[in-house]
Amino acid sequence: MVPSRFSDTSAGAGLKFNGDSSTAGMVLIKGGAFLIGGDNSQADKDKYPKHKVAVSSFWMDASEVTNGEF
């Protein structure tokens, strides 16, 4: 389960992590739906059937962060 702080309901409001509510240095990745899976003979057998997947919006750092920086 994805923590609620990364859901689209936290976009711009209520984002909290270790007491920090700042989104400075982060970008909002908008969620959406897409089709995934195989629909031709080039796909592996475990990629069938093609199906719809939905991903919620989430926040991501704009640049790489090392474990030490985190």
PDB file of N, CA and C in Angstrom:
ATOM      1  N   MET A   1       0.847  -1.180   0.000  1.00  0.00           N
ATOM      2  CA  MET A   1       0.000   0.000   0.000  1.00  0.00           C
ATOM      3  C   MET A   1       0.888   1.238   0.000  1.00  0.00           C
ATOM      4  N   VAL A   2       0.528   2.224  -0.791  1.00  0.00           N
ATOM      5  CA  VAL A   2       1.290   3.466  -0.894  1.00  0.00           C
ATOM      6  C   VAL A   2       0.865   4.397   0.228  1.00  0.00           C
ATOM      7  N   PRO A   3       1.828   4.965   0.959  1.00  0.00           N
ATOM      8  CA  PRO A   3       1.474   5.902   2.025  1.00  0.00           C
ATOM      9  C   PRO A   3       0.659   7.062   1.484  1.00  0.00           C
ATOM     10  N   SER A   4      -0.309   7.541   2.246  1.00  0.00           N
ATOM     11  CA  SER A   4      -1.192   8.608   1.780  1.00  0.00           C
ATOM     12  C   SER A   4      -0.436   9.899   1.491  1.00  0.00           C
ATOM     13  N   ARG A   5       0.749  10.076   2.067  1.00  0.00           N
ATOM     14  CA  ARG A   5       1.499  11.302   1.797  1.00  0.00           C
ATOM     15  C   ARG A   5       1.954  11.390   0.346  1.00  0.00           C
ATOM     16  N   PHE A   6       1.877  10.293  -0.403  1.00  0.00           N
ATOM     17  CA  PHE A   6       2.260  10.299  -1.798  1.00  0.00           C
ATOM     18  C   PHE A   6       1.050  10.246  -2.732  1.00  0.00           C
ATOM     19  N   SER A   7      -0.144  10.349  -2.204  1.00  0.00           N
ATOM     20  CA  SER A   7      -1.330  10.284  -3.052  1.00  0.00           C
ATOM     21  C   SER A   7      -1.673  11.666  -3.590  1.00  0.00           C
ATOM     22  N   ASP A   8      -2.559  11.716  -4.572  1.00  0.00           N
ATOM     23  CA  ASP A   8      -2.937  12.991  -5.147  1.00  0.00           C
ATOM     24  C   ASP A   8      -3.678  13.878  -4.163  1.00  0.00           C
ATOM     25  N   THR A   9      -4.229  13.320  -3.086  1.00  0.00           N
ATOM     26  CA  THR A   9      -4.890  14.133  -2.078  1.00  0.00           C
ATOM     27  C   THR A   9      -3.881  14.956  -1.292  1.00  0.00           C
ATOM     28  N   SER A  10      -2.602  14.579  -1.342  1.00  0.00           N
ATOM     29  CA  SER A  10      -1.578  15.334  -0.620  1.00  0.00           C
ATOM     30  C   SER A  10      -0.947  16.395  -1.503  1.00  0.00           C
ATOM     31  N   ALA A  11      -1.352  16.494  -2.749  1.00  0.00           N
ATOM     32  CA  ALA A  11      -0.745  17.431  -3.694  1.00  0.00           C
ATOM     33  C   ALA A  11      -0.933  18.864  -3.209  1.00  0.00           C
ATOM     34  N   GLY A  12       0.137  19.418  -2.680  1.00  0.00           N
ATOM     35  CA  GLY A  12       0.119  20.805  -2.253  1.00  0.00           C
ATOM     36  C   GLY A  12      -0.463  21.043  -0.872  1.00  0.00           C
ATOM     37  N   ALA A  13      -0.986  20.025  -0.219  1.00  0.00           N
ATOM     38  CA  ALA A  13      -1.581  20.232   1.101  1.00  0.00           C
ATOM     39  C   ALA A  13      -1.402  18.994   1.966  1.00  0.00           C
ATOM     40  N   GLY A  14      -0.885  19.203   3.148  1.00  0.00           N
ATOM     41  CA  GLY A  14      -0.825  18.128   4.108  1.00  0.00           C
ATOM     42  C   GLY A  14       0.289  17.119   3.909  1.00  0.00           C
ATOM     43  N   LEU A  15       1.214  17.379   2.999  1.00  0.00           N
ATOM     44  CA  LEU A  15       2.329  16.457   2.791  1.00  0.00           C
ATOM     45  C   LEU A  15       3.225  16.492   4.015  1.00  0.00           C
ATOM     46  N   LYS A  16       3.451  15.348   4.644  1.00  0.00           N
ATOM     47  CA  LYS A  16       4.276  15.302   5.851  1.00  0.00           C
ATOM     48  C   LYS A  16       5.220  14.126   5.805  1.00  0.00           C
ATOM     49  N   PHE A  17       6.456  14.382   6.176  1.00  0.00           N
ATOM     50  CA  PHE A  17       7.445  13.326   6.301  1.00  0.00           C
ATOM     51  C   PHE A  17       8.432  13.775   7.358  1.00  0.00           C
ATOM     52  N   ASN A  18       8.522  13.050   8.453  1.00  0.00           N
ATOM     53  CA  ASN A  18       9.383  13.421   9.581  1.00  0.00           C
ATOM     54  C   ASN A  18       9.118  14.850  10.048  1.00  0.00           C
ATOM     55  N   GLY A  19       7.850  15.266  10.022  1.00  0.00           N
ATOM     56  CA  GLY A  19       7.480  16.590  10.483  1.00  0.00           C
ATOM     57  C   GLY A  19       7.682  17.685   9.460  1.00  0.00           C
ATOM     58  N   ASP A  20       8.217  17.384   8.294  1.00  0.00           N
ATOM     59  CA  ASP A  20       8.470  18.377   7.258  1.00  0.00           C
ATOM     60  C   ASP A  20       7.314  18.369   6.269  1.00  0.00           C
ATOM     61  N   SER A  21       6.674  19.514   6.089  1.00  0.00           N
ATOM     62  CA  SER A  21       5.563  19.589   5.144  1.00  0.00           C
ATOM     63  C   SER A  21       5.965  20.286   3.848  1.00  0.00           C
ATOM     64  N   SER A  22       7.247  20.537   3.674  1.00  0.00           N
ATOM     65  CA  SER A  22       7.734  21.230   2.496  1.00  0.00           C
ATOM     66  C   SER A  22       7.801  20.311   1.279  1.00  0.00           C
ATOM     67  N   THR A  23       7.479  20.863   0.133  1.00  0.00           N
ATOM     68  CA  THR A  23       7.645  20.135  -1.123  1.00  0.00           C
ATOM     69  C   THR A  23       8.780  20.756  -1.933  1.00  0.00           C
ATOM     70  N   ALA A  24       9.597  21.589  -1.279  1.00  0.00           N
ATOM     71  CA  ALA A  24      10.722  22.231  -1.958  1.00  0.00           C
ATOM     72  C   ALA A  24      11.651  21.169  -2.533  1.00  0.00           C
ATOM     73  N   GLY A  25      12.051  21.353  -3.772  1.00  0.00           N
ATOM     74  CA  GLY A  25      12.941  20.408  -4.409  1.00  0.00           C
ATOM     75  C   GLY A  25      12.237  19.171  -4.934  1.00  0.00           C
ATOM     76  N   MET A  26      10.905  19.181  -4.867  1.00  0.00           N
ATOM     77  CA  MET A  26      10.141  18.026  -5.323  1.00  0.00           C
ATOM     78  C   MET A  26       9.211  18.444  -6.459  1.00  0.00           C
ATOM     79  N   VAL A  27       8.829  17.478  -7.261  1.00  0.00           N
ATOM     80  CA  VAL A  27       7.859  17.719  -8.322  1.00  0.00           C
ATOM     81  C   VAL A  27       6.711  16.727  -8.173  1.00  0.00           C
ATOM     82  N   LEU A  28       5.515  17.177  -8.529  1.00  0.00           N
ATOM     83  CA  LEU A  28       4.345  16.309  -8.474  1.00  0.00           C
ATOM     84  C   LEU A  28       4.248  15.551  -9.785  1.00  0.00           C
ATOM     85  N   ILE A  29       4.249  14.248  -9.714  1.00  0.00           N
ATOM     86  CA  ILE A  29       4.066  13.392 -10.879  1.00  0.00           C
ATOM     87  C   ILE A  29       2.578  13.040 -10.912  1.00  0.00           C
ATOM     88  N   LYS A  30       1.891  13.535 -11.912  1.00  0.00           N
ATOM     89  CA  LYS A  30       0.447  13.297 -12.030  1.00  0.00           C
ATOM     90  C   LYS A  30       0.168  11.839 -12.357  1.00  0.00           C
ATOM     91  N   GLY A  31      -0.816  11.302 -11.708  1.00  0.00           N
ATOM     92  CA  GLY A  31      -1.229   9.936 -11.955  1.00  0.00           C
ATOM     93  C   GLY A  31      -2.027   9.810 -13.237  1.00  0.00           C
ATOM     94  N   GLY A  32      -2.329   8.605 -13.580  1.00  0.00           N
ATOM     95  CA  GLY A  32      -3.125   8.350 -14.764  1.00  0.00           C
ATOM     96  C   GLY A  32      -3.285   6.861 -14.982  1.00  0.00           C
ATOM     97  N   ALA A  33      -3.911   6.514 -16.096  1.00  0.00           N
ATOM     98  CA  ALA A  33      -4.140   5.114 -16.434  1.00  0.00           C
ATOM     99  C   ALA A  33      -3.503   4.826 -17.786  1.00  0.00           C
ATOM    100  N   PHE A  34      -3.040   3.604 -17.954  1.00  0.00           N
ATOM    101  CA  PHE A  34      -2.440   3.191 -19.218  1.00  0.00           C
ATOM    102  C   PHE A  34      -2.619   1.691 -19.379  1.00  0.00           C
ATOM    103  N   LEU A  35      -2.426   1.232 -20.600  1.00  0.00           N
ATOM    104  CA  LEU A  35      -2.509  -0.203 -20.885  1.00  0.00           C
ATOM    105  C   LEU A  35      -1.117  -0.803 -20.798  1.00  0.00           C
ATOM    106  N   ILE A  36      -1.023  -1.966 -20.178  1.00  0.00           N
ATOM    107  CA  ILE A  36       0.247  -2.668 -20.056  1.00  0.00           C
ATOM    108  C   ILE A  36       0.011  -4.134 -20.408  1.00  0.00           C
ATOM    109  N   GLY A  37       0.985  -4.740 -21.005  1.00  0.00           N
ATOM    110  CA  GLY A  37       0.866  -6.148 -21.354  1.00  0.00           C
ATOM    111  C   GLY A  37       1.073  -6.379 -22.838  1.00  0.00           C
ATOM    112  N   GLY A  38       1.059  -7.628 -23.217  1.00  0.00           N
ATOM    113  CA  GLY A  38       1.334  -8.004 -24.590  1.00  0.00           C
ATOM    114  C   GLY A  38       0.104  -8.024 -25.469  1.00  0.00           C
ATOM    115  N   ASP A  39       0.329  -7.688 -26.737  1.00  0.00           N
ATOM    116  CA  ASP A  39      -0.756  -7.792 -27.706  1.00  0.00           C
ATOM    117  C   ASP A  39      -0.241  -8.304 -29.057  1.00  0.00           C
ATOM    118  N   ASN A  40       0.971  -8.876 -29.039  1.00  0.00           N
ATOM    119  CA  ASN A  40       1.500  -9.469 -30.268  1.00  0.00           C
ATOM    120  C   ASN A  40       2.408 -10.642 -29.920  1.00  0.00           C
ATOM    121  N   SER A  41       2.935 -11.292 -30.921  1.00  0.00           N
ATOM    122  CA  SER A  41       3.725 -12.507 -30.698  1.00  0.00           C
ATOM    123  C   SER A  41       5.115 -12.230 -30.121  1.00  0.00           C
ATOM    124  N   GLN A  42       5.529 -10.976 -30.036  1.00  0.00           N
ATOM    125  CA  GLN A  42       6.843 -10.646 -29.499  1.00  0.00           C
ATOM    126  C   GLN A  42       6.857 -10.616 -27.968  1.00  0.00           C
ATOM    127  N   ALA A  43       5.700 -10.548 -27.344  1.00  0.00           N
ATOM    128  CA  ALA A  43       5.623 -10.459 -25.885  1.00  0.00           C
ATOM    129  C   ALA A  43       5.788 -11.838 -25.251  1.00  0.00           C
ATOM    130  N   ASP A  44       6.376 -11.860 -24.050  1.00  0.00           N
ATOM    131  CA  ASP A  44       6.482 -13.105 -23.283  1.00  0.00           C
ATOM    132  C   ASP A  44       5.101 -13.555 -22.836  1.00  0.00           C
ATOM    133  N   LYS A  45       4.957 -14.857 -22.572  1.00  0.00           N
ATOM    134  CA  LYS A  45       3.658 -15.424 -22.182  1.00  0.00           C
ATOM    135  C   LYS A  45       3.105 -14.799 -20.907  1.00  0.00           C
ATOM    136  N   ASP A  46       3.999 -14.362 -20.003  1.00  0.00           N
ATOM    137  CA  ASP A  46       3.518 -13.788 -18.744  1.00  0.00           C
ATOM    138  C   ASP A  46       3.078 -12.324 -18.879  1.00  0.00           C
ATOM    139  N   LYS A  47       3.111 -11.778 -20.071  1.00  0.00           N
ATOM    140  CA  LYS A  47       2.704 -10.388 -20.297  1.00  0.00           C
ATOM    141  C   LYS A  47       1.266 -10.272 -20.794  1.00  0.00           C
ATOM    142  N   TYR A  48       0.571 -11.388 -20.927  1.00  0.00           N
ATOM    143  CA  TYR A  48      -0.820 -11.393 -21.398  1.00  0.00           C
ATOM    144  C   TYR A  48      -1.765 -11.531 -20.219  1.00  0.00           C
ATOM    145  N   PRO A  49      -2.977 -11.085 -20.298  1.00  0.00           N
ATOM    146  CA  PRO A  49      -3.518 -10.252 -21.358  1.00  0.00           C
ATOM    147  C   PRO A  49      -3.180  -8.795 -21.095  1.00  0.00           C
ATOM    148  N   LYS A  50      -3.281  -7.986 -22.114  1.00  0.00           N
ATOM    149  CA  LYS A  50      -3.103  -6.546 -21.952  1.00  0.00           C
ATOM    150  C   LYS A  50      -4.215  -6.057 -21.019  1.00  0.00           C
ATOM    151  N   HIS A  51      -3.851  -5.200 -20.071  1.00  0.00           N
ATOM    152  CA  HIS A  51      -4.842  -4.725 -19.117  1.00  0.00           C
ATOM    153  C   HIS A  51      -4.547  -3.293 -18.689  1.00  0.00           C
ATOM    154  N   LYS A  52      -5.541  -2.640 -18.149  1.00  0.00           N
ATOM    155  CA  LYS A  52      -5.431  -1.251 -17.722  1.00  0.00           C
ATOM    156  C   LYS A  52      -4.868  -1.180 -16.305  1.00  0.00           C
ATOM    157  N   VAL A  53      -3.931  -0.270 -16.101  1.00  0.00           N
ATOM    158  CA  VAL A  53      -3.322  -0.049 -14.787  1.00  0.00           C
ATOM    159  C   VAL A  53      -3.477   1.433 -14.453  1.00  0.00           C
ATOM    160  N   ALA A  54      -3.839   1.721 -13.217  1.00  0.00           N
ATOM    161  CA  ALA A  54      -3.964   3.106 -12.758  1.00  0.00           C
ATOM    162  C   ALA A  54      -2.888   3.380 -11.707  1.00  0.00           C
ATOM    163  N   VAL A  55      -2.234   4.523 -11.832  1.00  0.00           N
ATOM    164  CA  VAL A  55      -1.198   4.943 -10.892  1.00  0.00           C
ATOM    165  C   VAL A  55      -1.637   6.276 -10.293  1.00  0.00           C
ATOM    166  N   SER A  56      -1.604   6.377  -8.973  1.00  0.00           N
ATOM    167  CA  SER A  56      -1.966   7.625  -8.290  1.00  0.00           C
ATOM    168  C   SER A  56      -0.859   8.657  -8.454  1.00  0.00           C
ATOM    169  N   SER A  57      -1.211   9.921  -8.316  1.00  0.00           N
ATOM    170  CA  SER A  57      -0.205  10.984  -8.326  1.00  0.00           C
ATOM    171  C   SER A  57       0.725  10.794  -7.137  1.00  0.00           C
ATOM    172  N   PHE A  58       1.989  11.233  -7.290  1.00  0.00           N
ATOM    173  CA  PHE A  58       2.949  11.114  -6.196  1.00  0.00           C
ATOM    174  C   PHE A  58       4.026  12.181  -6.330  1.00  0.00           C
ATOM    175  N   TRP A  59       4.708  12.435  -5.237  1.00  0.00           N
ATOM    176  CA  TRP A  59       5.804  13.405  -5.200  1.00  0.00           C
ATOM    177  C   TRP A  59       7.127  12.687  -5.397  1.00  0.00           C
ATOM    178  N   MET A  60       8.042  13.333  -6.123  1.00  0.00           N
ATOM    179  CA  MET A  60       9.369  12.765  -6.349  1.00  0.00           C
ATOM    180  C   MET A  60      10.390  13.901  -6.275  1.00  0.00           C
ATOM    181  N   ASP A  61      11.550  13.601  -5.693  1.00  0.00           N
ATOM    182  CA  ASP A  61      12.612  14.604  -5.672  1.00  0.00           C
ATOM    183  C   ASP A  61      12.993  14.966  -7.091  1.00  0.00           C
ATOM    184  N   ALA A  62      13.273  16.256  -7.315  1.00  0.00           N
ATOM    185  CA  ALA A  62      13.626  16.746  -8.653  1.00  0.00           C
ATOM    186  C   ALA A  62      15.019  16.272  -9.064  1.00  0.00           C
ATOM    187  N   SER A  63      15.847  15.914  -8.097  1.00  0.00           N
ATOM    188  CA  SER A  63      17.185  15.426  -8.400  1.00  0.00           C
ATOM    189  C   SER A  63      17.482  14.192  -7.539  1.00  0.00           C
ATOM    190  N   GLU A  64      18.536  13.502  -7.890  1.00  0.00           N
ATOM    191  CA  GLU A  64      18.907  12.298  -7.135  1.00  0.00           C
ATOM    192  C   GLU A  64      19.233  12.650  -5.684  1.00  0.00           C
ATOM    193  N   VAL A  65      18.938  11.707  -4.808  1.00  0.00           N
ATOM    194  CA  VAL A  65      19.219  11.874  -3.370  1.00  0.00           C
ATOM    195  C   VAL A  65      19.940  10.606  -2.918  1.00  0.00           C
ATOM    196  N   THR A  66      21.075  10.760  -2.272  1.00  0.00           N
ATOM    197  CA  THR A  66      21.797   9.607  -1.763  1.00  0.00           C
ATOM    198  C   THR A  66      21.209   9.174  -0.424  1.00  0.00           C
ATOM    199  N   ASN A  67      21.531   7.995   0.039  1.00  0.00           N
ATOM    200  CA  ASN A  67      21.086   7.536   1.356  1.00  0.00           C
ATOM    201  C   ASN A  67      21.574   8.486   2.439  1.00  0.00           C
ATOM    202  N   GLY A  68      22.802   8.982   2.309  1.00  0.00           N
ATOM    203  CA  GLY A  68      23.364   9.891   3.289  1.00  0.00           C
ATOM    204  C   GLY A  68      22.599  11.203   3.362  1.00  0.00           C
ATOM    205  N   GLU A  69      22.170  11.713   2.200  1.00  0.00           N
ATOM    206  CA  GLU A  69      21.407  12.955   2.164  1.00  0.00           C
ATOM    207  C   GLU A  69      20.006  12.769   2.728  1.00  0.00           C
ATOM    208  N   PHE A  70      19.457  11.571   2.542  1.00  0.00           N
ATOM    209  CA  PHE A  70      18.106  11.293   2.997  1.00  0.00           C
ATOM    210  C   PHE A  70      18.072  11.309   4.501  1.00  0.00           C
TER     211      PHE A  70
END
